[in-house]
Amino acid sequence: MSQDDSFHTDVSTRNNPELHQYEVRVGERLAGFLQYRQTPGRIDFMHTEVSSDFEGQGLGGVLAHFALDDVVAAGLRVVPHCPFVAAYLKKHHANDQFIDWP
């Protein structure tokens, strides 16, 4: 097993509403986060960051996918101010009907 494969065996995602961010963890380590601002009826995705230790492993996409599914399941609209999330949405069209482009 390569080092990259081992990172993907213990990946978890969660919403951390106290910090207004979605998080992706590898084991106990915070590997990345997606900051948001919630307003009535919508979530504005503001900034995504993946730690340099975990770049290039697809964790940003895992995080974006999880956050989008969570927001849509809650019946909210998505506003992608974050360039990473905007680029992700332009490649993945499953949630197009829930997006309000800024």
N, C-alpha and C. Protein backbone atom coordinates (compact mmCIF):
# COMPACT_ATOMS: atom_id res chain seq x y z
N MET A 1 0.84 -1.18 0.00
CA MET A 1 0.00 0.00 0.00
C MET A 1 0.89 1.24 0.00
N SER A 2 0.57 2.19 -0.86
CA SER A 2 1.35 3.43 -0.89
C SER A 2 0.91 4.35 0.24
N GLN A 3 1.71 5.36 0.50
CA GLN A 3 1.37 6.31 1.56
C GLN A 3 0.04 7.00 1.26
N ASP A 4 -0.21 7.37 0.01
CA ASP A 4 -1.46 8.04 -0.32
C ASP A 4 -2.66 7.15 -0.05
N ASP A 5 -2.55 5.85 -0.36
CA ASP A 5 -3.65 4.93 -0.10
C ASP A 5 -3.98 4.88 1.39
N SER A 6 -2.98 4.91 2.24
CA SER A 6 -3.22 4.82 3.67
C SER A 6 -3.96 6.06 4.19
N PHE A 7 -3.72 7.22 3.59
CA PHE A 7 -4.43 8.41 4.02
C PHE A 7 -5.92 8.28 3.79
N HIS A 8 -6.31 7.63 2.75
CA HIS A 8 -7.72 7.57 2.39
C HIS A 8 -8.49 6.50 3.15
N THR A 9 -7.85 5.71 3.97
CA THR A 9 -8.55 4.68 4.71
C THR A 9 -9.22 5.21 5.97
N ASP A 10 -8.82 6.36 6.46
CA ASP A 10 -9.35 6.90 7.70
C ASP A 10 -9.77 8.36 7.52
N VAL A 11 -10.56 8.61 6.47
CA VAL A 11 -11.02 9.97 6.17
C VAL A 11 -12.43 10.15 6.73
N SER A 12 -12.65 11.26 7.41
CA SER A 12 -13.99 11.57 7.91
C SER A 12 -14.30 13.04 7.61
N THR A 13 -15.58 13.33 7.51
CA THR A 13 -16.04 14.69 7.24
C THR A 13 -17.10 15.05 8.28
N ARG A 14 -17.20 16.35 8.55
CA ARG A 14 -18.24 16.81 9.47
C ARG A 14 -18.46 18.30 9.29
N ASN A 15 -19.64 18.73 9.74
CA ASN A 15 -19.92 20.15 9.84
C ASN A 15 -19.54 20.58 11.25
N ASN A 16 -18.81 21.67 11.37
CA ASN A 16 -18.44 22.23 12.66
C ASN A 16 -19.11 23.61 12.75
N PRO A 17 -20.39 23.65 13.17
CA PRO A 17 -21.12 24.91 13.15
C PRO A 17 -20.54 25.97 14.08
N GLU A 18 -19.85 25.57 15.15
CA GLU A 18 -19.25 26.55 16.05
C GLU A 18 -18.19 27.39 15.34
N LEU A 19 -17.47 26.78 14.41
CA LEU A 19 -16.44 27.49 13.65
C LEU A 19 -16.92 27.91 12.26
N HIS A 20 -18.17 27.60 11.93
CA HIS A 20 -18.74 27.91 10.62
C HIS A 20 -17.90 27.31 9.50
N GLN A 21 -17.63 26.01 9.64
CA GLN A 21 -16.85 25.35 8.59
C GLN A 21 -17.15 23.86 8.54
N TYR A 22 -17.03 23.33 7.33
CA TYR A 22 -17.02 21.89 7.13
C TYR A 22 -15.57 21.46 7.22
N GLU A 23 -15.35 20.25 7.73
CA GLU A 23 -13.99 19.77 7.93
C GLU A 23 -13.81 18.38 7.36
N VAL A 24 -12.61 18.13 6.86
CA VAL A 24 -12.21 16.79 6.47
C VAL A 24 -11.00 16.44 7.33
N ARG A 25 -11.05 15.24 7.90
CA ARG A 25 -9.98 14.78 8.78
C ARG A 25 -9.41 13.48 8.25
N VAL A 26 -8.13 13.30 8.48
CA VAL A 26 -7.47 12.03 8.20
C VAL A 26 -6.99 11.55 9.56
N GLY A 27 -7.62 10.49 10.04
CA GLY A 27 -7.37 10.08 11.42
C GLY A 27 -7.84 11.19 12.33
N GLU A 28 -7.00 11.61 13.23
CA GLU A 28 -7.33 12.70 14.16
C GLU A 28 -6.89 14.07 13.64
N ARG A 29 -6.21 14.11 12.50
CA ARG A 29 -5.67 15.37 11.98
C ARG A 29 -6.67 16.10 11.09
N LEU A 30 -6.80 17.40 11.32
CA LEU A 30 -7.60 18.24 10.45
C LEU A 30 -6.81 18.42 9.15
N ALA A 31 -7.35 17.89 8.06
CA ALA A 31 -6.66 17.95 6.77
C ALA A 31 -7.12 19.13 5.93
N GLY A 32 -8.34 19.60 6.16
CA GLY A 32 -8.85 20.72 5.39
C GLY A 32 -10.16 21.21 5.93
N PHE A 33 -10.56 22.40 5.48
CA PHE A 33 -11.82 22.98 5.92
C PHE A 33 -12.40 23.85 4.81
N LEU A 34 -13.71 24.02 4.89
CA LEU A 34 -14.46 24.87 3.97
C LEU A 34 -15.28 25.83 4.84
N GLN A 35 -14.89 27.08 4.86
CA GLN A 35 -15.58 28.07 5.69
C GLN A 35 -16.85 28.55 4.98
N TYR A 36 -17.87 28.80 5.79
CA TYR A 36 -19.14 29.27 5.23
C TYR A 36 -19.76 30.34 6.10
N ARG A 37 -20.70 31.04 5.47
CA ARG A 37 -21.54 32.01 6.18
C ARG A 37 -22.98 31.60 5.90
N GLN A 38 -23.75 31.40 6.95
CA GLN A 38 -25.14 31.01 6.78
C GLN A 38 -26.05 32.20 6.96
N THR A 39 -26.95 32.37 6.02
CA THR A 39 -27.98 33.40 6.08
C THR A 39 -29.31 32.69 5.86
N PRO A 40 -30.44 33.33 6.11
CA PRO A 40 -31.71 32.64 5.94
C PRO A 40 -31.86 32.01 4.55
N GLY A 41 -32.02 30.70 4.53
CA GLY A 41 -32.27 29.98 3.29
C GLY A 41 -31.06 29.64 2.45
N ARG A 42 -29.87 30.03 2.89
CA ARG A 42 -28.71 29.75 2.05
C ARG A 42 -27.41 29.67 2.85
N ILE A 43 -26.45 29.04 2.20
CA ILE A 43 -25.09 28.93 2.73
C ILE A 43 -24.15 29.54 1.69
N ASP A 44 -23.36 30.50 2.11
CA ASP A 44 -22.33 31.09 1.25
C ASP A 44 -21.01 30.40 1.56
N PHE A 45 -20.49 29.63 0.61
CA PHE A 45 -19.18 29.01 0.78
C PHE A 45 -18.12 30.06 0.47
N MET A 46 -17.26 30.35 1.46
CA MET A 46 -16.35 31.47 1.37
C MET A 46 -14.90 31.09 1.03
N HIS A 47 -14.40 30.01 1.64
CA HIS A 47 -12.97 29.69 1.48
C HIS A 47 -12.74 28.22 1.79
N THR A 48 -11.96 27.56 0.94
CA THR A 48 -11.56 26.17 1.16
C THR A 48 -10.05 26.11 1.27
N GLU A 49 -9.59 25.33 2.22
CA GLU A 49 -8.15 25.18 2.40
C GLU A 49 -7.84 23.74 2.79
N VAL A 50 -6.83 23.16 2.13
CA VAL A 50 -6.33 21.83 2.47
C VAL A 50 -4.87 22.00 2.90
N SER A 51 -4.53 21.37 4.02
CA SER A 51 -3.17 21.45 4.54
C SER A 51 -2.18 20.94 3.50
N SER A 52 -1.01 21.56 3.45
CA SER A 52 0.00 21.16 2.48
C SER A 52 0.39 19.69 2.63
N ASP A 53 0.26 19.13 3.82
CA ASP A 53 0.55 17.70 4.03
C ASP A 53 -0.41 16.80 3.26
N PHE A 54 -1.57 17.32 2.89
CA PHE A 54 -2.61 16.49 2.28
C PHE A 54 -3.00 16.95 0.87
N GLU A 55 -2.30 17.93 0.32
CA GLU A 55 -2.63 18.41 -1.02
C GLU A 55 -2.46 17.31 -2.06
N GLY A 56 -3.26 17.38 -3.10
CA GLY A 56 -3.13 16.45 -4.22
C GLY A 56 -3.70 15.07 -3.96
N GLN A 57 -4.46 14.90 -2.89
CA GLN A 57 -5.02 13.59 -2.56
C GLN A 57 -6.53 13.52 -2.76
N GLY A 58 -7.11 14.58 -3.31
CA GLY A 58 -8.54 14.58 -3.57
C GLY A 58 -9.41 14.94 -2.38
N LEU A 59 -8.79 15.37 -1.28
CA LEU A 59 -9.57 15.65 -0.08
C LEU A 59 -10.43 16.91 -0.22
N GLY A 60 -9.99 17.86 -1.02
CA GLY A 60 -10.82 19.03 -1.27
C GLY A 60 -12.12 18.66 -1.94
N GLY A 61 -12.05 17.74 -2.90
CA GLY A 61 -13.26 17.26 -3.57
C GLY A 61 -14.17 16.49 -2.63
N VAL A 62 -13.58 15.66 -1.77
CA VAL A 62 -14.35 14.92 -0.77
C VAL A 62 -15.09 15.92 0.13
N LEU A 63 -14.40 16.95 0.55
CA LEU A 63 -14.96 17.97 1.42
C LEU A 63 -16.09 18.74 0.72
N ALA A 64 -15.85 19.18 -0.50
CA ALA A 64 -16.86 19.92 -1.26
C ALA A 64 -18.11 19.07 -1.47
N HIS A 65 -17.92 17.81 -1.85
CA HIS A 65 -19.04 16.90 -2.08
C HIS A 65 -19.88 16.74 -0.81
N PHE A 66 -19.21 16.49 0.31
CA PHE A 66 -19.91 16.32 1.57
C PHE A 66 -20.69 17.58 1.95
N ALA A 67 -20.03 18.74 1.88
CA ALA A 67 -20.66 20.00 2.27
C ALA A 67 -21.88 20.30 1.38
N LEU A 68 -21.74 20.10 0.09
CA LEU A 68 -22.85 20.35 -0.83
C LEU A 68 -24.02 19.43 -0.53
N ASP A 69 -23.76 18.15 -0.34
CA ASP A 69 -24.84 17.21 -0.01
C ASP A 69 -25.54 17.60 1.28
N ASP A 70 -24.77 18.04 2.28
CA ASP A 70 -25.33 18.42 3.56
C ASP A 70 -26.23 19.64 3.43
N VAL A 71 -25.78 20.64 2.70
CA VAL A 71 -26.55 21.86 2.52
C VAL A 71 -27.83 21.59 1.74
N VAL A 72 -27.73 20.82 0.66
CA VAL A 72 -28.90 20.49 -0.14
C VAL A 72 -29.90 19.67 0.68
N ALA A 73 -29.41 18.71 1.47
CA ALA A 73 -30.29 17.90 2.31
C ALA A 73 -31.04 18.74 3.33
N ALA A 74 -30.42 19.85 3.75
CA ALA A 74 -31.05 20.76 4.71
C ALA A 74 -32.04 21.71 4.02
N GLY A 75 -32.16 21.62 2.70
CA GLY A 75 -33.10 22.45 1.96
C GLY A 75 -32.62 23.88 1.74
N LEU A 76 -31.31 24.08 1.80
CA LEU A 76 -30.75 25.42 1.63
C LEU A 76 -30.17 25.59 0.23
N ARG A 77 -30.00 26.83 -0.16
CA ARG A 77 -29.35 27.18 -1.43
C ARG A 77 -27.86 27.35 -1.19
N VAL A 78 -27.07 27.12 -2.21
CA VAL A 78 -25.62 27.24 -2.15
C VAL A 78 -25.18 28.45 -2.95
N VAL A 79 -24.33 29.28 -2.35
CA VAL A 79 -23.74 30.41 -3.06
C VAL A 79 -22.22 30.20 -3.03
N PRO A 80 -21.63 29.85 -4.18
CA PRO A 80 -20.21 29.51 -4.21
C PRO A 80 -19.29 30.72 -4.43
N HIS A 81 -18.99 31.45 -3.37
CA HIS A 81 -18.02 32.55 -3.45
C HIS A 81 -16.59 32.00 -3.52
N CYS A 82 -16.37 30.85 -2.95
CA CYS A 82 -15.04 30.22 -2.94
C CYS A 82 -14.69 29.73 -4.34
N PRO A 83 -13.54 30.14 -4.87
CA PRO A 83 -13.14 29.70 -6.22
C PRO A 83 -13.02 28.17 -6.35
N PHE A 84 -12.57 27.49 -5.30
CA PHE A 84 -12.46 26.04 -5.36
C PHE A 84 -13.84 25.39 -5.50
N VAL A 85 -14.79 25.82 -4.69
CA VAL A 85 -16.14 25.25 -4.76
C VAL A 85 -16.77 25.59 -6.11
N ALA A 86 -16.58 26.81 -6.59
CA ALA A 86 -17.12 27.19 -7.89
C ALA A 86 -16.57 26.29 -9.00
N ALA A 87 -15.26 26.03 -8.97
CA ALA A 87 -14.66 25.14 -9.97
C ALA A 87 -15.20 23.72 -9.83
N TYR A 88 -15.37 23.26 -8.61
CA TYR A 88 -15.93 21.92 -8.37
C TYR A 88 -17.34 21.83 -8.97
N LEU A 89 -18.15 22.83 -8.74
CA LEU A 89 -19.53 22.82 -9.24
C LEU A 89 -19.59 22.87 -10.76
N LYS A 90 -18.63 23.50 -11.39
CA LYS A 90 -18.61 23.55 -12.86
C LYS A 90 -18.26 22.19 -13.47
N LYS A 91 -17.67 21.30 -12.67
CA LYS A 91 -17.33 19.95 -13.13
C LYS A 91 -18.36 18.91 -12.70
N HIS A 92 -19.08 19.19 -11.64
CA HIS A 92 -20.04 18.24 -11.05
C HIS A 92 -21.40 18.93 -11.00
N HIS A 93 -22.34 18.43 -11.80
CA HIS A 93 -23.59 19.14 -12.01
C HIS A 93 -24.79 18.56 -11.26
N ALA A 94 -24.56 17.65 -10.34
CA ALA A 94 -25.67 16.98 -9.64
C ALA A 94 -26.55 17.95 -8.86
N ASN A 95 -25.98 19.06 -8.39
CA ASN A 95 -26.73 19.98 -7.55
C ASN A 95 -27.00 21.33 -8.22
N ASP A 96 -26.94 21.37 -9.53
CA ASP A 96 -27.10 22.63 -10.25
C ASP A 96 -28.35 23.41 -9.86
N GLN A 97 -29.45 22.72 -9.62
CA GLN A 97 -30.71 23.40 -9.33
C GLN A 97 -30.71 24.08 -7.96
N PHE A 98 -29.68 23.81 -7.13
CA PHE A 98 -29.61 24.39 -5.79
C PHE A 98 -28.56 25.51 -5.67
N ILE A 99 -27.98 25.90 -6.80
CA ILE A 99 -26.88 26.85 -6.80
C ILE A 99 -27.37 28.24 -7.18
N ASP A 100 -26.96 29.24 -6.41
CA ASP A 100 -27.17 30.64 -6.76
C ASP A 100 -25.78 31.24 -7.01
N TRP A 101 -25.44 31.40 -8.26
CA TRP A 101 -24.11 31.93 -8.58
C TRP A 101 -24.00 33.39 -8.17
N PRO A 102 -22.91 33.78 -7.54
CA PRO A 102 -22.74 35.17 -7.10
C PRO A 102 -22.55 36.10 -8.30
